[in-house]
Amino acid sequence: MEGLQQQGAQARPGGEGTRPGETEGASPTWLSVSDVQRYLGISRPLVYRLIREGTIPAAHLGRAIRVSRAALDRALEALGPRSN
């Protein structure tokens, strides 16, 4: 019973617990495709295309794709500002 209470204390509003390598209140080190989609405000197919093209560096772990938040931020900085 005590383990369940500790687990509930770590739960996020969405019902997920803290992920490995992540501390409460801190942003995750590794992002899923959905996380990247929300972070950048772009569509899911566009995230996959940018990963396939190499614009967004990603690690493929079996069927899972993970993006390092630090590498993503560096890639965005390298793109620089765009003028319309």
N, C-alpha and C. Protein backbone atom coordinates (compact mmCIF):
# COMPACT_ATOMS: atom_id res chain seq x y z
N MET A 1 0.82 -1.20 0.00
CA MET A 1 0.00 0.00 0.00
C MET A 1 0.87 1.26 0.00
N GLU A 2 1.97 1.20 0.73
CA GLU A 2 2.86 2.36 0.81
C GLU A 2 3.44 2.70 -0.56
N GLY A 3 3.78 1.67 -1.36
CA GLY A 3 4.32 1.88 -2.69
C GLY A 3 3.33 2.58 -3.60
N LEU A 4 2.05 2.28 -3.45
CA LEU A 4 1.02 2.92 -4.26
C LEU A 4 0.89 4.40 -3.91
N GLN A 5 1.02 4.74 -2.63
CA GLN A 5 0.94 6.13 -2.23
C GLN A 5 2.11 6.92 -2.78
N GLN A 6 3.32 6.33 -2.77
CA GLN A 6 4.48 7.01 -3.33
C GLN A 6 4.32 7.20 -4.83
N GLN A 7 3.78 6.18 -5.50
CA GLN A 7 3.59 6.27 -6.94
C GLN A 7 2.61 7.38 -7.27
N GLY A 8 1.54 7.50 -6.51
CA GLY A 8 0.55 8.55 -6.74
C GLY A 8 1.13 9.93 -6.53
N ALA A 9 2.09 10.06 -5.62
CA ALA A 9 2.70 11.36 -5.35
C ALA A 9 3.51 11.85 -6.54
N GLN A 10 3.99 10.93 -7.40
CA GLN A 10 4.78 11.31 -8.56
C GLN A 10 3.92 11.53 -9.80
N ALA A 11 2.66 11.22 -9.74
CA ALA A 11 1.80 11.26 -10.92
C ALA A 11 1.65 12.69 -11.43
N ARG A 12 1.59 12.82 -12.74
CA ARG A 12 1.36 14.10 -13.38
C ARG A 12 -0.13 14.27 -13.62
N PRO A 13 -0.57 15.48 -13.93
CA PRO A 13 -1.98 15.69 -14.17
C PRO A 13 -2.55 14.78 -15.26
N GLY A 14 -1.76 14.43 -16.25
CA GLY A 14 -2.22 13.57 -17.34
C GLY A 14 -2.32 12.11 -16.94
N GLY A 15 -1.94 11.78 -15.72
CA GLY A 15 -2.02 10.41 -15.25
C GLY A 15 -0.73 9.63 -15.40
N GLU A 16 0.27 10.22 -16.04
CA GLU A 16 1.56 9.53 -16.22
C GLU A 16 2.45 9.81 -15.03
N GLY A 17 3.28 8.86 -14.68
CA GLY A 17 4.27 9.08 -13.63
C GLY A 17 5.50 9.75 -14.21
N THR A 18 6.47 10.04 -13.38
CA THR A 18 7.71 10.63 -13.85
C THR A 18 8.48 9.60 -14.66
N ARG A 19 8.98 9.99 -15.82
CA ARG A 19 9.73 9.08 -16.68
C ARG A 19 11.14 8.91 -16.17
N PRO A 20 11.80 7.79 -16.50
CA PRO A 20 13.20 7.62 -16.10
C PRO A 20 14.07 8.74 -16.66
N GLY A 21 14.97 9.26 -15.85
CA GLY A 21 15.85 10.33 -16.29
C GLY A 21 15.21 11.70 -16.23
N GLU A 22 14.00 11.77 -15.65
CA GLU A 22 13.27 13.02 -15.59
C GLU A 22 12.92 13.32 -14.13
N THR A 23 13.08 14.55 -13.73
CA THR A 23 12.71 14.91 -12.38
C THR A 23 11.42 15.71 -12.41
N GLU A 24 10.70 15.69 -11.31
CA GLU A 24 9.43 16.40 -11.21
C GLU A 24 9.64 17.88 -11.54
N GLY A 25 8.84 18.42 -12.45
CA GLY A 25 8.91 19.82 -12.79
C GLY A 25 9.95 20.16 -13.84
N ALA A 26 10.85 19.25 -14.18
CA ALA A 26 11.87 19.51 -15.19
C ALA A 26 11.40 18.97 -16.53
N SER A 27 11.90 19.55 -17.60
CA SER A 27 11.53 19.05 -18.92
C SER A 27 12.31 17.76 -19.20
N PRO A 28 11.70 16.84 -19.96
CA PRO A 28 12.37 15.56 -20.22
C PRO A 28 13.60 15.74 -21.11
N THR A 29 14.56 14.84 -20.95
CA THR A 29 15.77 14.86 -21.75
C THR A 29 15.49 14.32 -23.15
N TRP A 30 14.66 13.29 -23.24
CA TRP A 30 14.31 12.67 -24.52
C TRP A 30 12.84 12.89 -24.81
N LEU A 31 12.54 13.26 -26.03
CA LEU A 31 11.17 13.56 -26.45
C LEU A 31 10.65 12.51 -27.41
N SER A 32 9.37 12.18 -27.29
CA SER A 32 8.72 11.32 -28.27
C SER A 32 8.31 12.19 -29.47
N VAL A 33 7.83 11.57 -30.51
CA VAL A 33 7.35 12.31 -31.68
C VAL A 33 6.22 13.25 -31.27
N SER A 34 5.32 12.77 -30.42
CA SER A 34 4.21 13.61 -29.94
C SER A 34 4.73 14.81 -29.15
N ASP A 35 5.76 14.58 -28.33
CA ASP A 35 6.36 15.68 -27.57
C ASP A 35 6.95 16.73 -28.50
N VAL A 36 7.66 16.28 -29.54
CA VAL A 36 8.26 17.20 -30.51
C VAL A 36 7.17 17.97 -31.23
N GLN A 37 6.10 17.29 -31.59
CA GLN A 37 4.97 17.92 -32.27
C GLN A 37 4.41 19.07 -31.43
N ARG A 38 4.19 18.80 -30.14
CA ARG A 38 3.66 19.85 -29.25
C ARG A 38 4.69 20.95 -29.02
N TYR A 39 5.95 20.58 -28.85
CA TYR A 39 7.02 21.54 -28.57
C TYR A 39 7.19 22.54 -29.72
N LEU A 40 7.11 22.04 -30.95
CA LEU A 40 7.31 22.90 -32.11
C LEU A 40 6.01 23.45 -32.69
N GLY A 41 4.88 22.87 -32.31
CA GLY A 41 3.60 23.32 -32.83
C GLY A 41 3.42 22.98 -34.30
N ILE A 42 3.89 21.79 -34.70
CA ILE A 42 3.78 21.35 -36.09
C ILE A 42 3.05 20.01 -36.14
N SER A 43 2.69 19.58 -37.34
CA SER A 43 1.95 18.34 -37.49
C SER A 43 2.85 17.12 -37.30
N ARG A 44 2.22 16.01 -36.96
CA ARG A 44 2.94 14.75 -36.77
C ARG A 44 3.65 14.30 -38.05
N PRO A 45 2.97 14.34 -39.22
CA PRO A 45 3.68 13.95 -40.45
C PRO A 45 4.90 14.82 -40.74
N LEU A 46 4.82 16.10 -40.39
CA LEU A 46 5.97 16.98 -40.61
C LEU A 46 7.13 16.60 -39.69
N VAL A 47 6.83 16.21 -38.45
CA VAL A 47 7.89 15.76 -37.55
C VAL A 47 8.60 14.55 -38.15
N TYR A 48 7.82 13.57 -38.62
CA TYR A 48 8.42 12.37 -39.23
C TYR A 48 9.25 12.74 -40.46
N ARG A 49 8.77 13.67 -41.28
CA ARG A 49 9.52 14.08 -42.48
C ARG A 49 10.84 14.74 -42.09
N LEU A 50 10.81 15.61 -41.09
CA LEU A 50 12.03 16.29 -40.67
C LEU A 50 13.04 15.32 -40.07
N ILE A 51 12.54 14.29 -39.38
CA ILE A 51 13.43 13.25 -38.86
C ILE A 51 14.03 12.46 -40.02
N ARG A 52 13.20 12.07 -40.97
CA ARG A 52 13.66 11.29 -42.13
C ARG A 52 14.71 12.06 -42.93
N GLU A 53 14.50 13.39 -43.08
CA GLU A 53 15.44 14.22 -43.84
C GLU A 53 16.72 14.52 -43.05
N GLY A 54 16.70 14.28 -41.74
CA GLY A 54 17.87 14.56 -40.91
C GLY A 54 17.89 15.96 -40.33
N THR A 55 16.84 16.74 -40.57
CA THR A 55 16.77 18.09 -40.01
C THR A 55 16.64 18.02 -38.49
N ILE A 56 15.86 17.04 -38.01
CA ILE A 56 15.74 16.77 -36.58
C ILE A 56 16.50 15.48 -36.30
N PRO A 57 17.56 15.55 -35.49
CA PRO A 57 18.31 14.32 -35.16
C PRO A 57 17.48 13.45 -34.23
N ALA A 58 17.44 12.15 -34.51
CA ALA A 58 16.63 11.24 -33.71
C ALA A 58 17.32 9.91 -33.52
N ALA A 59 16.96 9.24 -32.44
CA ALA A 59 17.45 7.89 -32.17
C ALA A 59 16.29 6.92 -32.36
N HIS A 60 16.54 5.84 -33.09
CA HIS A 60 15.53 4.81 -33.32
C HIS A 60 15.84 3.65 -32.39
N LEU A 61 14.91 3.38 -31.49
CA LEU A 61 15.06 2.30 -30.52
C LEU A 61 13.97 1.28 -30.79
N GLY A 62 14.27 0.31 -31.64
CA GLY A 62 13.22 -0.60 -32.09
C GLY A 62 12.24 0.20 -32.92
N ARG A 63 10.98 0.18 -32.54
CA ARG A 63 9.96 0.96 -33.25
C ARG A 63 9.79 2.36 -32.67
N ALA A 64 10.41 2.61 -31.53
CA ALA A 64 10.28 3.91 -30.88
C ALA A 64 11.30 4.89 -31.46
N ILE A 65 10.88 6.13 -31.57
CA ILE A 65 11.75 7.20 -32.02
C ILE A 65 11.84 8.20 -30.89
N ARG A 66 13.06 8.57 -30.51
CA ARG A 66 13.26 9.55 -29.45
C ARG A 66 14.20 10.63 -29.96
N VAL A 67 13.92 11.86 -29.54
CA VAL A 67 14.69 13.02 -29.95
C VAL A 67 15.27 13.66 -28.70
N SER A 68 16.56 13.89 -28.70
CA SER A 68 17.21 14.58 -27.59
C SER A 68 16.77 16.04 -27.62
N ARG A 69 16.26 16.51 -26.48
CA ARG A 69 15.82 17.91 -26.43
C ARG A 69 16.99 18.86 -26.71
N ALA A 70 18.18 18.56 -26.18
CA ALA A 70 19.35 19.41 -26.41
C ALA A 70 19.73 19.43 -27.89
N ALA A 71 19.71 18.25 -28.54
CA ALA A 71 20.05 18.17 -29.96
C ALA A 71 19.01 18.90 -30.80
N LEU A 72 17.74 18.80 -30.41
CA LEU A 72 16.68 19.50 -31.13
C LEU A 72 16.87 21.01 -31.02
N ASP A 73 17.17 21.49 -29.83
CA ASP A 73 17.40 22.92 -29.64
C ASP A 73 18.60 23.41 -30.45
N ARG A 74 19.68 22.60 -30.49
CA ARG A 74 20.85 22.98 -31.30
C ARG A 74 20.50 23.02 -32.79
N ALA A 75 19.71 22.04 -33.25
CA ALA A 75 19.31 21.99 -34.66
C ALA A 75 18.47 23.22 -35.01
N LEU A 76 17.59 23.62 -34.11
CA LEU A 76 16.76 24.80 -34.35
C LEU A 76 17.60 26.07 -34.40
N GLU A 77 18.58 26.17 -33.50
CA GLU A 77 19.47 27.34 -33.50
C GLU A 77 20.29 27.40 -34.78
N ALA A 78 20.71 26.25 -35.28
CA ALA A 78 21.52 26.20 -36.51
C ALA A 78 20.71 26.65 -37.72
N LEU A 79 19.40 26.44 -37.68
CA LEU A 79 18.54 26.89 -38.79
C LEU A 79 18.47 28.40 -38.85
N GLY A 80 18.55 29.05 -37.68
CA GLY A 80 18.54 30.49 -37.61
C GLY A 80 17.17 31.07 -37.93
N PRO A 81 17.04 32.37 -37.76
CA PRO A 81 15.75 33.03 -38.04
C PRO A 81 15.50 33.09 -39.54
N ARG A 82 14.23 33.00 -39.90
CA ARG A 82 13.86 33.09 -41.31
C ARG A 82 13.09 34.39 -41.55
N SER A 83 13.36 35.04 -42.64
CA SER A 83 12.57 36.20 -43.01
C SER A 83 11.54 35.78 -44.04
N ASN A 84 10.38 36.38 -43.96
CA ASN A 84 9.29 36.01 -44.88
C ASN A 84 9.30 36.83 -46.11
